[in-house]
Amino acid sequence: MIPIGITGGLGSGKSTAAEFFKEKGNEVFDADVEAKAYISKSISIQGKIIKTFGNIVTTQNGKLDLRKLGKVAFQSSFDQQLLNGIVWPELYIVLEDKLNSISSQKGFFFVDAALIFESKFNSLFKEVLLIKSSKRNRIERALMRKTLTEKQIQERIKLQYTDKQKSALASHVISNNGSIESFTKSLDKYYQSIKKKFSI
């Protein structure tokens, strides 16, 4: 199975891209969902996080509160790096084990992850697709989810690599500033190209 990374900043459209490839019959690994699930299951990870950040990230009975953790971790690059230093090595192993378990299967395995380059996960993939979009479009899309304020969105964008930085590292770049139809056409064109490239 061919592992392909999908990355992009908050609100860029990478999740839409991942859903497109999923609808084509491919397996998709959502790194954000998997990371939260892993943290929820791992007592040792929870302990490390609570020890690092203190009771500011816990419930009244001392359990880890993921919502509080999210607010704290995105307050500064330092706090984000602290959290990533705990979670990323563990998630890398989870992803690597998953890739090893399906390596003999045919097809593509897409990994949807905002911080592929920041986390140095790109070494796991045959190539990485970057979805980029203007900052204004990204903020508008993120606001539509109604889970973050504009200030929180701006703070998270600041903590991620810029599109320019990511473009220099990506195997392929798709711009998502037009209609959904235009974006879908670009995704399909890319999909047909990698099917040809990897003979799938």
Foldseek 3Di string as FASTA:
>chain_A
DAEEEEAEAAQLCSVVLQVLVVVVVAAEAELVVVLVVVCVPDPVLQVQLCVVPPCQQADPVRGGHVVSLLVQCLPDLVSVVSSCVSRLVVSLVVVVVVCVVCVPPDDYYYYYDHACPVSVVQVVHPFYEYRYEDPVSSLVSNVVVVPDDSVSSVSRRVNHDDVVVVVVVGPYYDYDYDDPVVSSVVSVVVVVVVCVVVVD
